[in-house]
Amino acid sequence: MHAIPINYNDHILMPLAAGERGSFASMIIVTKPDGARWASGVLGYFNEPDDACRFAIEYGKAEADGRKPPKSLKHA
């Protein structure tokens, strides 16, 4: 499982890729500047863990910016 946090606009984004070879679930944990934390459900499934994490990061950035997040995908 990948879980390397990144800082973005005063938020901490922790992308997660859980699964086995060929099917990785994309999820994210977001910590807001006030310390409040929330976790997504499964955002989609990807063949590679890096793809799952990239999607989770984009989703988290959109949430932090107040933009509409990308649609959930199922690639695997």
PDB file of N, CA and C in Angstrom:
ATOM      1  N   MET A   1       0.853  -1.179   0.000  1.00  0.00           N
ATOM      2  CA  MET A   1       0.000   0.000   0.000  1.00  0.00           C
ATOM      3  C   MET A   1       0.894   1.235   0.000  1.00  0.00           C
ATOM      4  N   HIS A   2       0.671   2.126  -0.928  1.00  0.00           N
ATOM      5  CA  HIS A   2       1.388   3.394  -0.971  1.00  0.00           C
ATOM      6  C   HIS A   2       0.720   4.351   0.005  1.00  0.00           C
ATOM      7  N   ALA A   3       1.493   5.137   0.701  1.00  0.00           N
ATOM      8  CA  ALA A   3       0.930   6.136   1.614  1.00  0.00           C
ATOM      9  C   ALA A   3       1.982   7.197   1.890  1.00  0.00           C
ATOM     10  N   ILE A   4       2.379   7.930   0.866  1.00  0.00           N
ATOM     11  CA  ILE A   4       3.366   8.988   1.021  1.00  0.00           C
ATOM     12  C   ILE A   4       2.627  10.318   0.998  1.00  0.00           C
ATOM     13  N   PRO A   5       2.573  11.013   2.148  1.00  0.00           N
ATOM     14  CA  PRO A   5       1.819  12.264   2.204  1.00  0.00           C
ATOM     15  C   PRO A   5       2.498  13.388   1.418  1.00  0.00           C
ATOM     16  N   ILE A   6       1.677  14.272   0.857  1.00  0.00           N
ATOM     17  CA  ILE A   6       2.182  15.470   0.192  1.00  0.00           C
ATOM     18  C   ILE A   6       1.440  16.672   0.754  1.00  0.00           C
ATOM     19  N   ASN A   7       2.109  17.820   0.741  1.00  0.00           N
ATOM     20  CA  ASN A   7       1.482  19.071   1.163  1.00  0.00           C
ATOM     21  C   ASN A   7       0.950  19.779  -0.069  1.00  0.00           C
ATOM     22  N   TYR A   8      -0.285  20.289   0.040  1.00  0.00           N
ATOM     23  CA  TYR A   8      -0.906  21.014  -1.070  1.00  0.00           C
ATOM     24  C   TYR A   8      -1.856  22.053  -0.497  1.00  0.00           C
ATOM     25  N   ASN A   9      -1.602  23.315  -0.767  1.00  0.00           N
ATOM     26  CA  ASN A   9      -2.467  24.417  -0.311  1.00  0.00           C
ATOM     27  C   ASN A   9      -2.853  24.276   1.165  1.00  0.00           C
ATOM     28  N   ASP A  10      -1.861  24.078   2.011  1.00  0.00           N
ATOM     29  CA  ASP A  10      -2.064  23.940   3.457  1.00  0.00           C
ATOM     30  C   ASP A  10      -2.830  22.686   3.853  1.00  0.00           C
ATOM     31  N   HIS A  11      -3.052  21.779   2.946  1.00  0.00           N
ATOM     32  CA  HIS A  11      -3.686  20.487   3.223  1.00  0.00           C
ATOM     33  C   HIS A  11      -2.614  19.403   3.137  1.00  0.00           C
ATOM     34  N   ILE A  12      -2.805  18.338   3.843  1.00  0.00           N
ATOM     35  CA  ILE A  12      -1.943  17.165   3.692  1.00  0.00           C
ATOM     36  C   ILE A  12      -2.766  16.094   2.987  1.00  0.00           C
ATOM     37  N   LEU A  13      -2.256  15.647   1.861  1.00  0.00           N
ATOM     38  CA  LEU A  13      -2.931  14.624   1.060  1.00  0.00           C
ATOM     39  C   LEU A  13      -2.143  13.323   1.191  1.00  0.00           C
ATOM     40  N   MET A  14      -2.826  12.264   1.590  1.00  0.00           N
ATOM     41  CA  MET A  14      -2.171  10.964   1.694  1.00  0.00           C
ATOM     42  C   MET A  14      -2.879   9.987   0.756  1.00  0.00           C
ATOM     43  N   PRO A  15      -2.304   9.797  -0.446  1.00  0.00           N
ATOM     44  CA  PRO A  15      -2.912   8.864  -1.397  1.00  0.00           C
ATOM     45  C   PRO A  15      -2.650   7.422  -0.973  1.00  0.00           C
ATOM     46  N   LEU A  16      -3.601   6.575  -1.246  1.00  0.00           N
ATOM     47  CA  LEU A  16      -3.482   5.159  -0.906  1.00  0.00           C
ATOM     48  C   LEU A  16      -3.802   4.313  -2.130  1.00  0.00           C
ATOM     49  N   ALA A  17      -3.030   3.259  -2.304  1.00  0.00           N
ATOM     50  CA  ALA A  17      -3.291   2.280  -3.363  1.00  0.00           C
ATOM     51  C   ALA A  17      -3.237   0.911  -2.710  1.00  0.00           C
ATOM     52  N   ALA A  18      -4.381   0.322  -2.529  1.00  0.00           N
ATOM     53  CA  ALA A  18      -4.458  -0.976  -1.861  1.00  0.00           C
ATOM     54  C   ALA A  18      -4.905  -2.030  -2.854  1.00  0.00           C
ATOM     55  N   GLY A  19      -4.264  -3.179  -2.812  1.00  0.00           N
ATOM     56  CA  GLY A  19      -4.699  -4.258  -3.683  1.00  0.00           C
ATOM     57  C   GLY A  19      -3.581  -5.215  -3.995  1.00  0.00           C
ATOM     58  N   GLU A  20      -3.786  -5.917  -5.064  1.00  0.00           N
ATOM     59  CA  GLU A  20      -2.829  -6.911  -5.539  1.00  0.00           C
ATOM     60  C   GLU A  20      -2.503  -6.627  -6.984  1.00  0.00           C
ATOM     61  N   ARG A  21      -1.543  -7.337  -7.489  1.00  0.00           N
ATOM     62  CA  ARG A  21      -1.091  -7.136  -8.856  1.00  0.00           C
ATOM     63  C   ARG A  21      -2.266  -7.063  -9.828  1.00  0.00           C
ATOM     64  N   GLY A  22      -2.349  -5.937 -10.537  1.00  0.00           N
ATOM     65  CA  GLY A  22      -3.364  -5.784 -11.563  1.00  0.00           C
ATOM     66  C   GLY A  22      -4.659  -5.146 -11.130  1.00  0.00           C
ATOM     67  N   SER A  23      -4.864  -4.934  -9.813  1.00  0.00           N
ATOM     68  CA  SER A  23      -6.099  -4.301  -9.347  1.00  0.00           C
ATOM     69  C   SER A  23      -5.835  -3.560  -8.036  1.00  0.00           C
ATOM     70  N   PHE A  24      -5.622  -2.252  -8.165  1.00  0.00           N
ATOM     71  CA  PHE A  24      -5.325  -1.414  -7.014  1.00  0.00           C
ATOM     72  C   PHE A  24      -6.435  -0.392  -6.810  1.00  0.00           C
ATOM     73  N   ALA A  25      -6.989  -0.375  -5.613  1.00  0.00           N
ATOM     74  CA  ALA A  25      -8.037   0.586  -5.268  1.00  0.00           C
ATOM     75  C   ALA A  25      -7.378   1.919  -4.913  1.00  0.00           C
ATOM     76  N   SER A  26      -7.928   2.989  -5.448  1.00  0.00           N
ATOM     77  CA  SER A  26      -7.443   4.338  -5.200  1.00  0.00           C
ATOM     78  C   SER A  26      -8.284   4.977  -4.099  1.00  0.00           C
ATOM     79  N   MET A  27      -7.607   5.527  -3.080  1.00  0.00           N
ATOM     80  CA  MET A  27      -8.278   6.225  -1.972  1.00  0.00           C
ATOM     81  C   MET A  27      -7.397   7.379  -1.535  1.00  0.00           C
ATOM     82  N   ILE A  28      -7.969   8.306  -0.749  1.00  0.00           N
ATOM     83  CA  ILE A  28      -7.169   9.414  -0.237  1.00  0.00           C
ATOM     84  C   ILE A  28      -7.647   9.806   1.156  1.00  0.00           C
ATOM     85  N   ILE A  29      -6.690  10.228   1.968  1.00  0.00           N
ATOM     86  CA  ILE A  29      -6.984  10.822   3.272  1.00  0.00           C
ATOM     87  C   ILE A  29      -6.518  12.273   3.187  1.00  0.00           C
ATOM     88  N   VAL A  30      -7.401  13.216   3.529  1.00  0.00           N
ATOM     89  CA  VAL A  30      -7.094  14.641   3.462  1.00  0.00           C
ATOM     90  C   VAL A  30      -7.145  15.216   4.870  1.00  0.00           C
ATOM     91  N   THR A  31      -6.074  15.926   5.249  1.00  0.00           N
ATOM     92  CA  THR A  31      -6.061  16.658   6.510  1.00  0.00           C
ATOM     93  C   THR A  31      -6.125  18.141   6.166  1.00  0.00           C
ATOM     94  N   LYS A  32      -7.157  18.818   6.671  1.00  0.00           N
ATOM     95  CA  LYS A  32      -7.366  20.239   6.407  1.00  0.00           C
ATOM     96  C   LYS A  32      -6.467  21.080   7.307  1.00  0.00           C
ATOM     97  N   PRO A  33      -6.293  22.369   6.987  1.00  0.00           N
ATOM     98  CA  PRO A  33      -5.419  23.223   7.793  1.00  0.00           C
ATOM     99  C   PRO A  33      -5.805  23.276   9.283  1.00  0.00           C
ATOM    100  N   ASP A  34      -7.087  23.108   9.588  1.00  0.00           N
ATOM    101  CA  ASP A  34      -7.525  23.153  10.992  1.00  0.00           C
ATOM    102  C   ASP A  34      -7.335  21.817  11.707  1.00  0.00           C
ATOM    103  N   GLY A  35      -6.777  20.830  10.999  1.00  0.00           N
ATOM    104  CA  GLY A  35      -6.526  19.524  11.594  1.00  0.00           C
ATOM    105  C   GLY A  35      -7.625  18.509  11.351  1.00  0.00           C
ATOM    106  N   ALA A  36      -8.773  18.954  10.849  1.00  0.00           N
ATOM    107  CA  ALA A  36      -9.861  18.017  10.542  1.00  0.00           C
ATOM    108  C   ALA A  36      -9.401  17.081   9.428  1.00  0.00           C
ATOM    109  N   ARG A  37      -9.793  15.833   9.537  1.00  0.00           N
ATOM    110  CA  ARG A  37      -9.346  14.811   8.588  1.00  0.00           C
ATOM    111  C   ARG A  37     -10.548  14.052   8.050  1.00  0.00           C
ATOM    112  N   TRP A  38     -10.499  13.705   6.771  1.00  0.00           N
ATOM    113  CA  TRP A  38     -11.535  12.847   6.189  1.00  0.00           C
ATOM    114  C   TRP A  38     -10.879  11.889   5.195  1.00  0.00           C
ATOM    115  N   ALA A  39     -11.545  10.796   4.991  1.00  0.00           N
ATOM    116  CA  ALA A  39     -11.049   9.780   4.060  1.00  0.00           C
ATOM    117  C   ALA A  39     -12.109   9.496   3.011  1.00  0.00           C
ATOM    118  N   SER A  40     -11.668   9.314   1.796  1.00  0.00           N
ATOM    119  CA  SER A  40     -12.592   8.948   0.721  1.00  0.00           C
ATOM    120  C   SER A  40     -12.907   7.466   0.831  1.00  0.00           C
ATOM    121  N   GLY A  41     -13.892   7.084   0.105  1.00  0.00           N
ATOM    122  CA  GLY A  41     -14.095   5.668  -0.139  1.00  0.00           C
ATOM    123  C   GLY A  41     -13.209   5.292  -1.310  1.00  0.00           C
ATOM    124  N   VAL A  42     -13.472   4.157  -1.910  1.00  0.00           N
ATOM    125  CA  VAL A  42     -12.715   3.749  -3.089  1.00  0.00           C
ATOM    126  C   VAL A  42     -13.094   4.667  -4.244  1.00  0.00           C
ATOM    127  N   LEU A  43     -12.079   5.285  -4.839  1.00  0.00           N
ATOM    128  CA  LEU A  43     -12.296   6.230  -5.932  1.00  0.00           C
ATOM    129  C   LEU A  43     -12.301   5.549  -7.294  1.00  0.00           C
ATOM    130  N   GLY A  44     -11.736   4.388  -7.370  1.00  0.00           N
ATOM    131  CA  GLY A  44     -11.649   3.645  -8.619  1.00  0.00           C
ATOM    132  C   GLY A  44     -10.592   2.573  -8.492  1.00  0.00           C
ATOM    133  N   TYR A  45     -10.462   1.752  -9.525  1.00  0.00           N
ATOM    134  CA  TYR A  45      -9.500   0.659  -9.542  1.00  0.00           C
ATOM    135  C   TYR A  45      -8.560   0.846 -10.722  1.00  0.00           C
ATOM    136  N   PHE A  46      -7.280   0.585 -10.491  1.00  0.00           N
ATOM    137  CA  PHE A  46      -6.250   0.812 -11.501  1.00  0.00           C
ATOM    138  C   PHE A  46      -5.325  -0.392 -11.588  1.00  0.00           C
ATOM    139  N   ASN A  47      -4.705  -0.562 -12.746  1.00  0.00           N
ATOM    140  CA  ASN A  47      -3.782  -1.676 -12.954  1.00  0.00           C
ATOM    141  C   ASN A  47      -2.483  -1.509 -12.177  1.00  0.00           C
ATOM    142  N   GLU A  48      -2.061  -0.271 -11.967  1.00  0.00           N
ATOM    143  CA  GLU A  48      -0.786   0.010 -11.299  1.00  0.00           C
ATOM    144  C   GLU A  48      -1.016   0.882 -10.064  1.00  0.00           C
ATOM    145  N   PRO A  49      -0.257   0.643  -8.983  1.00  0.00           N
ATOM    146  CA  PRO A  49      -0.427   1.443  -7.774  1.00  0.00           C
ATOM    147  C   PRO A  49      -0.103   2.920  -7.985  1.00  0.00           C
ATOM    148  N   ASP A  50       0.866   3.228  -8.836  1.00  0.00           N
ATOM    149  CA  ASP A  50       1.203   4.628  -9.092  1.00  0.00           C
ATOM    150  C   ASP A  50       0.045   5.363  -9.759  1.00  0.00           C
ATOM    151  N   ASP A  51      -0.662   4.689 -10.659  1.00  0.00           N
ATOM    152  CA  ASP A  51      -1.826   5.307 -11.306  1.00  0.00           C
ATOM    153  C   ASP A  51      -2.931   5.563 -10.286  1.00  0.00           C
ATOM    154  N   ALA A  52      -3.126   4.621  -9.377  1.00  0.00           N
ATOM    155  CA  ALA A  52      -4.139   4.786  -8.330  1.00  0.00           C
ATOM    156  C   ALA A  52      -3.796   5.976  -7.441  1.00  0.00           C
ATOM    157  N   CYS A  53      -2.521   6.114  -7.093  1.00  0.00           N
ATOM    158  CA  CYS A  53      -2.102   7.237  -6.244  1.00  0.00           C
ATOM    159  C   CYS A  53      -2.205   8.565  -6.982  1.00  0.00           C
ATOM    160  N   ARG A  54      -1.825   8.588  -8.259  1.00  0.00           N
ATOM    161  CA  ARG A  54      -1.942   9.832  -9.037  1.00  0.00           C
ATOM    162  C   ARG A  54      -3.387  10.307  -9.090  1.00  0.00           C
ATOM    163  N   PHE A  55      -4.312   9.371  -9.315  1.00  0.00           N
ATOM    164  CA  PHE A  55      -5.717   9.746  -9.367  1.00  0.00           C
ATOM    165  C   PHE A  55      -6.171  10.270  -8.009  1.00  0.00           C
ATOM    166  N   ALA A  56      -5.764   9.608  -6.934  1.00  0.00           N
ATOM    167  CA  ALA A  56      -6.149  10.048  -5.587  1.00  0.00           C
ATOM    168  C   ALA A  56      -5.626  11.447  -5.293  1.00  0.00           C
ATOM    169  N   ILE A  57      -4.413  11.737  -5.709  1.00  0.00           N
ATOM    170  CA  ILE A  57      -3.843  13.070  -5.496  1.00  0.00           C
ATOM    171  C   ILE A  57      -4.640  14.120  -6.247  1.00  0.00           C
ATOM    172  N   GLU A  58      -4.975  13.851  -7.504  1.00  0.00           N
ATOM    173  CA  GLU A  58      -5.780  14.815  -8.273  1.00  0.00           C
ATOM    174  C   GLU A  58      -7.143  15.037  -7.614  1.00  0.00           C
ATOM    175  N   TYR A  59      -7.720  13.970  -7.107  1.00  0.00           N
ATOM    176  CA  TYR A  59      -9.005  14.061  -6.409  1.00  0.00           C
ATOM    177  C   TYR A  59      -8.849  14.945  -5.162  1.00  0.00           C
ATOM    178  N   GLY A  60      -7.811  14.699  -4.383  1.00  0.00           N
ATOM    179  CA  GLY A  60      -7.571  15.479  -3.174  1.00  0.00           C
ATOM    180  C   GLY A  60      -7.292  16.938  -3.460  1.00  0.00           C
ATOM    181  N   LYS A  61      -6.533  17.223  -4.515  1.00  0.00           N
ATOM    182  CA  LYS A  61      -6.260  18.613  -4.896  1.00  0.00           C
ATOM    183  C   LYS A  61      -7.544  19.337  -5.260  1.00  0.00           C
ATOM    184  N   ALA A  62      -8.396  18.684  -6.015  1.00  0.00           N
ATOM    185  CA  ALA A  62      -9.677  19.292  -6.397  1.00  0.00           C
ATOM    186  C   ALA A  62     -10.515  19.587  -5.161  1.00  0.00           C
ATOM    187  N   GLU A  63     -10.564  18.647  -4.225  1.00  0.00           N
ATOM    188  CA  GLU A  63     -11.310  18.870  -2.984  1.00  0.00           C
ATOM    189  C   GLU A  63     -10.727  20.046  -2.200  1.00  0.00           C
ATOM    190  N   ALA A  64      -9.408  20.122  -2.092  1.00  0.00           N
ATOM    191  CA  ALA A  64      -8.743  21.198  -1.358  1.00  0.00           C
ATOM    192  C   ALA A  64      -9.013  22.551  -2.001  1.00  0.00           C
ATOM    193  N   ASP A  65      -9.097  22.585  -3.324  1.00  0.00           N
ATOM    194  CA  ASP A  65      -9.338  23.827  -4.062  1.00  0.00           C
ATOM    195  C   ASP A  65     -10.806  24.199  -4.145  1.00  0.00           C
ATOM    196  N   GLY A  66     -11.677  23.304  -3.726  1.00  0.00           N
ATOM    197  CA  GLY A  66     -13.108  23.565  -3.851  1.00  0.00           C
ATOM    198  C   GLY A  66     -13.624  23.344  -5.262  1.00  0.00           C
ATOM    199  N   ARG A  67     -12.857  22.624  -6.075  1.00  0.00           N
ATOM    200  CA  ARG A  67     -13.291  22.306  -7.438  1.00  0.00           C
ATOM    201  C   ARG A  67     -14.026  20.976  -7.433  1.00  0.00           C
ATOM    202  N   LYS A  68     -14.738  20.740  -8.499  1.00  0.00           N
ATOM    203  CA  LYS A  68     -15.399  19.441  -8.668  1.00  0.00           C
ATOM    204  C   LYS A  68     -14.319  18.383  -8.887  1.00  0.00           C
ATOM    205  N   PRO A  69     -14.303  17.338  -8.060  1.00  0.00           N
ATOM    206  CA  PRO A  69     -13.263  16.318  -8.234  1.00  0.00           C
ATOM    207  C   PRO A  69     -13.489  15.500  -9.499  1.00  0.00           C
ATOM    208  N   PRO A  70     -12.421  14.874 -10.006  1.00  0.00           N
ATOM    209  CA  PRO A  70     -12.587  14.017 -11.186  1.00  0.00           C
ATOM    210  C   PRO A  70     -13.518  12.849 -10.866  1.00  0.00           C
ATOM    211  N   LYS A  71     -14.169  12.353 -11.878  1.00  0.00           N
ATOM    212  CA  LYS A  71     -15.081  11.219 -11.679  1.00  0.00           C
ATOM    213  C   LYS A  71     -14.303   9.969 -11.343  1.00  0.00           C
ATOM    214  N   SER A  72     -14.930   9.142 -10.538  1.00  0.00           N
ATOM    215  CA  SER A  72     -14.329   7.867 -10.188  1.00  0.00           C
ATOM    216  C   SER A  72     -14.192   7.011 -11.436  1.00  0.00           C
ATOM    217  N   LEU A  73     -13.125   6.274 -11.484  1.00  0.00           N
ATOM    218  CA  LEU A  73     -12.834   5.456 -12.652  1.00  0.00           C
ATOM    219  C   LEU A  73     -12.612   4.014 -12.240  1.00  0.00           C
ATOM    220  N   LYS A  74     -12.826   3.132 -13.163  1.00  0.00           N
ATOM    221  CA  LYS A  74     -12.487   1.732 -12.949  1.00  0.00           C
ATOM    222  C   LYS A  74     -11.669   1.290 -14.135  1.00  0.00           C
ATOM    223  N   HIS A  75     -10.346   1.261 -13.975  1.00  0.00           N
ATOM    224  CA  HIS A  75      -9.441   0.927 -15.069  1.00  0.00           C
ATOM    225  C   HIS A  75      -8.992  -0.520 -15.030  1.00  0.00           C
ATOM    226  N   ALA A  76      -9.085  -1.153 -13.889  1.00  0.00           N
ATOM    227  CA  ALA A  76      -8.546  -2.519 -13.787  1.00  0.00           C
ATOM    228  C   ALA A  76      -9.561  -3.533 -14.281  1.00  0.00           C
TER     229      ALA A  76
END
